[in-house]
Amino acid sequence: MAQFGRRAVRKAGFARPSVFGFRPAILPFAPFRPLVNGPFAIDVQGITKRFGGRPVVHHIALQVRRGEIYGFLGPNGSGKTTFLRILCGLLTPDAGSGTCLGFDLRTQTGAIRERVGYLTQRFSFYEDLSVEENLDFVARLYGVPRRRAAVAQSLERFGLAELRRQLAGELSGGWKQRLALAACLIHQPELLLLDEPTVGVDPKARRDFWEEIHRLAGAGITVLITTHYMDEAERCHRLAYLAYGQLLIHGRLPEILRAAGLTTWEVSGPDLWALAETLRGQPGVEQVVPFGNRLHVSGRDAVQLARVAAAFGSPDRVWRQVEAGLEDVFIHLMHTARAHGTS
């Protein structure tokens, strides 16, 4: 494995899988010390980051309790990844302050990185190394005690033992994500930052992944996860919605649904596509979205929407009022943010 270690360092200058950009000079890390002070894993105020003068993250304030699964929603380019990188010390905010795991975001980034596992959107480990070699390399980065035993435990825990000698580049998307999660956890972090971890993963693998996330949260690990899947968002304890760098709404799912103030009607019947074109622009109609063989017609003016339902109802076209879902709210917030020029 000494040869493997030299090859990895030569290949990337110790910068991969380096979500953190560590250098050999600062390794190994000091022994892991669990956090004992304060109820919040994340407690930040006014966090702002600009690139080229444009605010990518704008004045975000957020508190995440330890052991909580916190979901981040928002369109592409909304600042979710940038915010994650600020939390784990990869980026320094231009304004704002706060703590992550009790350590200052500006002055104690090294201590934060020791205690965080960060899973990036793109698979960031060595595809020309085996599953076992990748885990061993990450364990070396973190100075994990009893490294060989820790790697063996990770292989067993994540069902990777039979694939230990397979090259990471030959794994399917689901197995790559399982390897990435194993690598993120090998140093026993207190906080997991997961950036769209299940993109391209089949439904069974996604379910297994989320079962593991809930087991980790039950053991006291805090998880902050970005996703575009509404069913995954509903598995989180709390949610936040970002658009164009701004935090528009946050809270538990029922709180978010209530705060959006949407009234939604479901329409079934023939010629729904033609009906959708007709409904757009009607008084009180803010969005018309196909849901399979039905339409969801939503807006904040319940009286106006009831009039529309009465006007366009017919014996073969059924309108019924339903509870607005998270996807309805997601689309509404995206349209609202765009309309108000937050971009």
Protein backbone atom coordinates (compact mmCIF):
# COMPACT_ATOMS: atom_id res chain seq x y z
CA MET A 1 0.00 0.00 0.00
CA ALA A 2 3.00 2.29 0.24
CA GLN A 3 3.16 2.24 -3.54
CA PHE A 4 -0.55 3.05 -3.69
CA GLY A 5 -0.03 6.02 -1.38
CA ARG A 6 2.75 7.46 -3.55
CA ARG A 7 0.72 6.97 -6.71
CA ALA A 8 -2.28 8.83 -5.30
CA VAL A 9 -0.18 11.72 -4.04
CA ARG A 10 1.67 11.99 -7.39
CA LYS A 11 -1.55 11.87 -9.35
CA ALA A 12 -3.34 14.72 -7.63
CA GLY A 13 -0.84 16.57 -5.53
CA PHE A 14 -2.87 15.33 -2.57
CA ALA A 15 -5.81 17.37 -3.82
CA ARG A 16 -8.18 14.46 -4.59
CA PRO A 17 -10.40 13.04 -3.39
CA SER A 18 -10.02 16.17 -1.82
CA VAL A 19 -13.01 17.90 -1.33
CA PHE A 20 -10.96 19.75 1.26
CA GLY A 21 -7.64 20.30 -0.52
CA PHE A 22 -5.53 18.88 2.33
CA ARG A 23 -1.76 18.81 2.19
CA PRO A 24 0.51 16.13 3.69
CA ALA A 25 2.12 18.66 6.00
CA ILE A 26 -0.96 18.91 8.19
CA LEU A 27 -1.53 15.18 8.52
CA PRO A 28 -2.26 13.24 10.58
CA PHE A 29 -5.08 15.07 12.30
CA ALA A 30 -5.35 15.44 16.04
CA PRO A 31 -7.45 12.77 17.76
CA PHE A 32 -11.19 13.17 17.21
CA ARG A 33 -12.97 15.03 20.01
CA PRO A 34 -16.77 14.90 20.02
CA LEU A 35 -18.57 18.21 20.32
CA VAL A 36 -20.29 18.66 23.69
CA ASN A 37 -21.25 22.34 23.69
CA GLY A 38 -24.42 23.84 22.23
CA PRO A 39 -27.56 22.37 20.64
CA PHE A 40 -26.79 23.53 17.07
CA ALA A 41 -24.50 21.81 14.62
CA ILE A 42 -24.86 24.84 12.33
CA ASP A 43 -25.58 28.35 13.56
CA VAL A 44 -24.88 31.12 11.02
CA GLN A 45 -26.09 34.66 10.37
CA GLY A 46 -25.80 36.95 7.36
CA ILE A 47 -23.66 34.59 5.29
CA THR A 48 -22.85 36.19 1.95
CA LYS A 49 -20.56 35.12 -0.89
CA ARG A 50 -19.93 36.94 -4.16
CA PHE A 51 -18.21 35.85 -7.35
CA GLY A 52 -17.30 38.57 -9.80
CA GLY A 53 -19.34 41.04 -7.79
CA ARG A 54 -22.50 38.93 -8.08
CA PRO A 55 -23.99 37.56 -4.84
CA VAL A 56 -24.24 33.76 -5.06
CA VAL A 57 -25.20 33.39 -1.40
CA HIS A 58 -26.94 36.41 0.06
CA HIS A 59 -27.41 37.07 3.77
CA ILE A 60 -28.38 33.54 4.84
CA ALA A 61 -29.22 32.86 8.48
CA LEU A 62 -29.75 29.24 9.49
CA GLN A 63 -29.74 27.01 12.55
CA VAL A 64 -29.57 23.23 12.28
CA ARG A 65 -29.83 21.07 15.38
CA ARG A 66 -27.50 18.17 16.04
CA GLY A 67 -28.91 14.86 14.83
CA GLU A 68 -31.23 16.58 12.34
CA ILE A 69 -31.66 15.78 8.65
CA TYR A 70 -31.97 19.16 6.95
CA GLY A 71 -32.95 19.30 3.30
CA PHE A 72 -31.92 22.07 0.91
CA LEU A 73 -34.13 22.66 -2.11
CA GLY A 74 -33.74 25.13 -4.95
CA PRO A 75 -33.15 25.44 -8.68
CA ASN A 76 -29.73 24.93 -10.20
CA GLY A 77 -27.53 27.94 -9.53
CA SER A 78 -29.38 28.92 -6.36
CA GLY A 79 -26.27 28.82 -4.15
CA LYS A 80 -26.76 25.48 -2.41
CA THR A 81 -23.32 24.05 -3.22
CA THR A 82 -21.58 27.34 -2.42
CA PHE A 83 -23.26 27.41 0.98
CA LEU A 84 -22.15 23.82 1.71
CA ARG A 85 -18.57 24.73 0.84
CA ILE A 86 -18.67 27.67 3.21
CA LEU A 87 -19.93 25.44 6.01
CA CYS A 88 -17.06 22.96 5.67
CA GLY A 89 -14.36 25.61 5.37
CA LEU A 90 -13.64 25.35 1.65
CA LEU A 91 -14.80 28.91 1.02
CA THR A 92 -14.59 31.98 3.24
CA PRO A 93 -17.74 34.12 3.33
CA ASP A 94 -17.47 37.75 2.24
CA ALA A 95 -19.84 38.76 5.02
CA GLY A 96 -21.61 37.15 7.95
CA SER A 97 -20.50 34.97 10.82
CA GLY A 98 -21.36 31.80 12.67
CA THR A 99 -20.26 28.40 13.81
CA CYS A 100 -20.22 24.87 12.44
CA LEU A 101 -19.96 22.14 15.09
CA GLY A 102 -19.14 24.87 17.60
CA PHE A 103 -16.15 26.19 15.63
CA ASP A 104 -15.90 29.60 14.00
CA LEU A 105 -16.46 29.54 10.24
CA ARG A 106 -13.67 32.04 9.62
CA THR A 107 -10.94 31.21 12.11
CA GLN A 108 -11.33 27.48 12.87
CA THR A 109 -11.86 25.90 9.47
CA GLY A 110 -9.23 23.23 10.10
CA ALA A 111 -11.11 21.95 13.16
CA ILE A 112 -14.35 21.94 11.16
CA ARG A 113 -12.85 19.92 8.30
CA GLU A 114 -11.67 17.23 10.71
CA ARG A 115 -15.24 16.63 11.80
CA VAL A 116 -17.17 16.92 8.53
CA GLY A 117 -17.85 14.41 5.78
CA TYR A 118 -18.57 16.06 2.42
CA LEU A 119 -20.05 14.11 -0.48
CA THR A 120 -19.82 16.15 -3.68
CA GLN A 121 -22.21 16.09 -6.65
CA ARG A 122 -19.63 14.45 -8.88
CA PHE A 123 -17.90 11.22 -7.84
CA SER A 124 -14.55 12.58 -6.61
CA PHE A 125 -12.57 9.48 -5.73
CA TYR A 126 -9.95 7.60 -7.74
CA GLU A 127 -11.58 5.56 -10.50
CA ASP A 128 -8.33 3.71 -11.26
CA LEU A 129 -7.94 2.52 -7.66
CA SER A 130 -9.90 -0.29 -6.08
CA VAL A 131 -12.71 0.19 -3.59
CA GLU A 132 -10.43 -0.86 -0.73
CA GLU A 133 -7.55 1.36 -1.88
CA ASN A 134 -9.85 4.39 -2.01
CA LEU A 135 -11.06 3.80 1.53
CA ASP A 136 -7.52 3.21 2.75
CA PHE A 137 -6.35 6.44 1.16
CA VAL A 138 -9.12 8.50 2.80
CA ALA A 139 -8.39 6.84 6.15
CA ARG A 140 -4.74 7.90 5.78
CA LEU A 141 -5.82 11.47 5.01
CA TYR A 142 -7.72 11.67 8.26
CA GLY A 143 -5.16 9.78 10.32
CA VAL A 144 -7.79 7.22 11.33
CA PRO A 145 -6.57 5.04 14.23
CA ARG A 146 -6.32 1.30 13.46
CA ARG A 147 -6.72 2.15 9.81
CA ARG A 148 -6.85 -1.37 8.38
CA ALA A 149 -9.55 -2.41 10.82
CA ALA A 150 -11.54 0.73 10.05
CA VAL A 151 -11.36 0.03 6.32
CA ALA A 152 -12.45 -3.57 6.84
CA GLN A 153 -15.39 -2.42 8.96
CA SER A 154 -16.46 0.09 6.31
CA LEU A 155 -16.32 -2.55 3.60
CA GLU A 156 -18.58 -4.84 5.63
CA ARG A 157 -20.94 -2.12 6.81
CA PHE A 158 -21.70 -0.85 3.30
CA GLY A 159 -21.79 -4.24 1.60
CA LEU A 160 -18.58 -3.54 -0.31
CA ALA A 161 -16.50 -6.47 0.94
CA GLU A 162 -17.05 -8.60 -2.17
CA LEU A 163 -16.12 -5.61 -4.35
CA ARG A 164 -13.03 -4.62 -2.38
CA ARG A 165 -10.65 -5.28 -5.30
CA GLN A 166 -12.87 -3.88 -8.04
CA LEU A 167 -11.81 -0.58 -9.59
CA ALA A 168 -14.02 2.29 -8.48
CA GLY A 169 -14.46 3.40 -12.09
CA GLU A 170 -16.15 0.08 -12.91
CA LEU A 171 -18.87 0.50 -10.28
CA SER A 172 -22.46 1.45 -11.12
CA GLY A 173 -23.78 4.82 -9.99
CA GLY A 174 -25.41 3.37 -6.87
CA TRP A 175 -22.28 1.50 -5.79
CA LYS A 176 -20.13 4.56 -6.42
CA GLN A 177 -22.34 6.56 -4.09
CA ARG A 178 -22.15 3.81 -1.50
CA LEU A 179 -18.36 3.91 -1.69
CA ALA A 180 -18.42 7.71 -1.45
CA LEU A 181 -20.61 7.57 1.65
CA ALA A 182 -18.35 4.97 3.23
CA ALA A 183 -15.36 7.23 2.57
CA CYS A 184 -17.17 10.22 4.06
CA LEU A 185 -17.89 8.30 7.25
CA ILE A 186 -14.61 6.48 7.82
CA HIS A 187 -13.29 9.20 10.15
CA GLN A 188 -16.54 9.24 12.19
CA PRO A 189 -17.66 12.81 11.38
CA GLU A 190 -20.28 14.70 13.35
CA LEU A 191 -21.73 16.40 10.28
CA LEU A 192 -22.45 15.08 6.78
CA LEU A 193 -22.84 17.50 3.87
CA LEU A 194 -24.38 15.66 0.94
CA ASP A 195 -24.72 17.49 -2.37
CA GLU A 196 -27.36 15.81 -4.56
CA PRO A 197 -26.06 12.37 -3.56
CA THR A 198 -28.62 10.22 -5.39
CA VAL A 199 -28.60 11.74 -8.88
CA GLY A 200 -28.57 8.90 -11.42
CA VAL A 201 -29.12 6.25 -8.74
CA ASP A 202 -31.88 3.66 -9.18
CA PRO A 203 -34.92 3.67 -6.80
CA LYS A 204 -33.78 0.66 -4.75
CA ALA A 205 -30.34 2.16 -4.18
CA ARG A 206 -31.94 5.50 -3.27
CA ARG A 207 -34.12 3.78 -0.67
CA ASP A 208 -31.14 1.95 0.83
CA PHE A 209 -29.19 5.21 0.88
CA TRP A 210 -31.93 7.01 2.80
CA GLU A 211 -32.32 4.19 5.29
CA GLU A 212 -28.64 4.59 6.09
CA ILE A 213 -29.03 8.38 6.41
CA HIS A 214 -31.80 7.94 8.97
CA ARG A 215 -29.72 5.40 10.89
CA LEU A 216 -26.89 7.91 11.03
CA ALA A 217 -29.20 10.68 12.24
CA GLY A 218 -30.54 8.32 14.89
CA ALA A 219 -26.95 7.88 16.10
CA GLY A 220 -26.60 11.66 16.49
CA ILE A 221 -24.93 12.63 13.20
CA THR A 222 -26.26 15.81 11.60
CA VAL A 223 -27.02 15.66 7.88
CA LEU A 224 -27.46 18.57 5.49
CA ILE A 225 -28.53 17.32 2.07
CA THR A 226 -29.36 19.04 -1.21
CA THR A 227 -31.84 17.35 -3.52
CA HIS A 228 -34.23 17.94 -6.40
CA TYR A 229 -36.34 14.89 -5.54
CA MET A 230 -39.54 15.82 -3.70
CA ASP A 231 -39.93 12.37 -2.16
CA GLU A 232 -36.44 12.71 -0.66
CA ALA A 233 -37.21 16.19 0.64
CA GLU A 234 -40.22 14.80 2.48
CA ARG A 235 -37.91 12.41 4.35
CA CYS A 236 -36.05 15.32 5.95
CA HIS A 237 -36.83 16.65 9.42
CA ARG A 238 -36.74 20.24 8.18
CA LEU A 239 -36.36 21.96 4.84
CA ALA A 240 -35.02 25.21 3.41
CA TYR A 241 -35.67 26.64 -0.05
CA LEU A 242 -33.01 28.75 -1.78
CA ALA A 243 -33.48 30.72 -4.98
CA TYR A 244 -30.83 32.92 -6.55
CA GLY A 245 -28.78 32.96 -3.37
CA GLN A 246 -31.60 33.89 -1.02
CA LEU A 247 -33.24 31.75 1.64
CA LEU A 248 -36.95 32.16 0.87
CA ILE A 249 -38.56 29.81 3.36
CA HIS A 250 -37.55 27.18 5.91
CA GLY A 251 -39.14 24.95 8.52
CA ARG A 252 -40.89 21.61 8.84
CA LEU A 253 -42.83 20.35 5.84
CA PRO A 254 -46.31 21.24 7.20
CA GLU A 255 -45.05 24.72 8.12
CA ILE A 256 -43.68 25.28 4.62
CA LEU A 257 -46.90 24.11 2.98
CA ARG A 258 -48.94 26.46 5.18
CA ALA A 259 -46.58 29.40 4.75
CA ALA A 260 -46.77 29.17 0.95
CA GLY A 261 -50.51 29.92 1.19
CA LEU A 262 -51.34 27.99 -1.98
CA THR A 263 -54.78 26.72 -2.94
CA THR A 264 -54.62 23.80 -5.39
CA TRP A 265 -57.27 22.18 -7.55
CA GLU A 266 -56.79 18.85 -9.31
CA VAL A 267 -58.41 18.44 -12.72
CA SER A 268 -59.03 15.18 -14.57
CA GLY A 269 -60.73 14.54 -17.90
CA PRO A 270 -60.10 14.85 -21.64
CA ASP A 271 -57.96 17.36 -23.53
CA LEU A 272 -56.03 18.50 -20.46
CA TRP A 273 -53.17 19.97 -22.48
CA ALA A 274 -55.53 22.31 -24.32
CA LEU A 275 -57.22 23.16 -21.02
CA ALA A 276 -53.86 23.99 -19.43
CA GLU A 277 -53.14 26.55 -22.16
CA THR A 278 -56.55 28.11 -21.63
CA LEU A 279 -56.20 28.27 -17.84
CA ARG A 280 -52.85 30.02 -17.87
CA GLY A 281 -53.53 33.71 -17.44
CA GLN A 282 -56.98 33.26 -15.90
CA PRO A 283 -57.62 35.45 -12.80
CA GLY A 284 -56.13 33.78 -9.70
CA VAL A 285 -54.29 31.07 -11.64
CA GLU A 286 -50.57 31.32 -10.87
CA GLN A 287 -49.44 27.92 -12.14
CA VAL A 288 -50.79 24.98 -14.11
CA VAL A 289 -48.70 21.82 -13.85
CA PRO A 290 -49.36 18.37 -15.38
CA PHE A 291 -49.30 15.49 -12.88
CA GLY A 292 -49.62 12.34 -14.95
CA ASN A 293 -53.18 12.28 -16.34
CA ARG A 294 -54.25 15.22 -14.16
CA LEU A 295 -53.54 18.92 -13.84
CA HIS A 296 -52.71 20.86 -10.69
CA VAL A 297 -54.04 24.40 -10.86
CA SER A 298 -52.70 26.59 -8.05
CA GLY A 299 -52.71 30.14 -6.74
CA ARG A 300 -52.98 32.20 -3.57
CA ASP A 301 -56.47 33.59 -4.24
CA ALA A 302 -58.83 30.80 -3.19
CA VAL A 303 -61.97 32.69 -4.23
CA GLN A 304 -60.74 33.39 -7.75
CA LEU A 305 -59.62 29.78 -8.18
CA ALA A 306 -63.03 28.50 -7.10
CA ARG A 307 -64.61 30.69 -9.79
CA VAL A 308 -62.24 29.28 -12.40
CA ALA A 309 -63.10 25.73 -11.31
CA ALA A 310 -66.81 26.48 -11.65
CA ALA A 311 -66.37 28.18 -15.02
CA PHE A 312 -64.34 25.38 -16.61
CA GLY A 313 -66.05 22.40 -15.01
CA SER A 314 -68.11 19.98 -17.08
CA PRO A 315 -69.66 16.51 -16.71
CA ASP A 316 -66.56 14.86 -18.23
CA ARG A 317 -64.04 17.14 -16.55
CA VAL A 318 -63.76 16.79 -12.78
CA TRP A 319 -62.32 19.52 -10.54
CA ARG A 320 -61.59 18.82 -6.88
CA GLN A 321 -59.69 20.83 -4.32
CA VAL A 322 -56.63 19.06 -2.92
CA GLU A 323 -53.90 19.90 -0.46
CA ALA A 324 -50.97 21.63 -2.12
CA GLY A 325 -47.94 19.33 -2.26
CA LEU A 326 -44.27 20.11 -1.91
CA GLU A 327 -43.77 20.10 -5.68
CA ASP A 328 -46.56 22.68 -6.09
CA VAL A 329 -44.85 24.86 -3.49
CA PHE A 330 -41.42 24.31 -5.06
CA ILE A 331 -42.60 25.52 -8.47
CA HIS A 332 -44.53 28.41 -6.91
CA LEU A 333 -41.46 29.61 -5.00
CA MET A 334 -39.27 29.37 -8.09
CA HIS A 335 -41.73 31.45 -10.14
CA THR A 336 -42.15 33.96 -7.31
CA ALA A 337 -38.39 34.42 -6.93
CA ARG A 338 -37.99 34.96 -10.68
CA ALA A 339 -40.92 37.40 -10.81
CA HIS A 340 -39.43 39.51 -8.03
CA GLY A 341 -36.11 39.74 -9.81
CA THR A 342 -34.02 37.99 -7.13
CA SER A 343 -31.77 36.74 -9.88
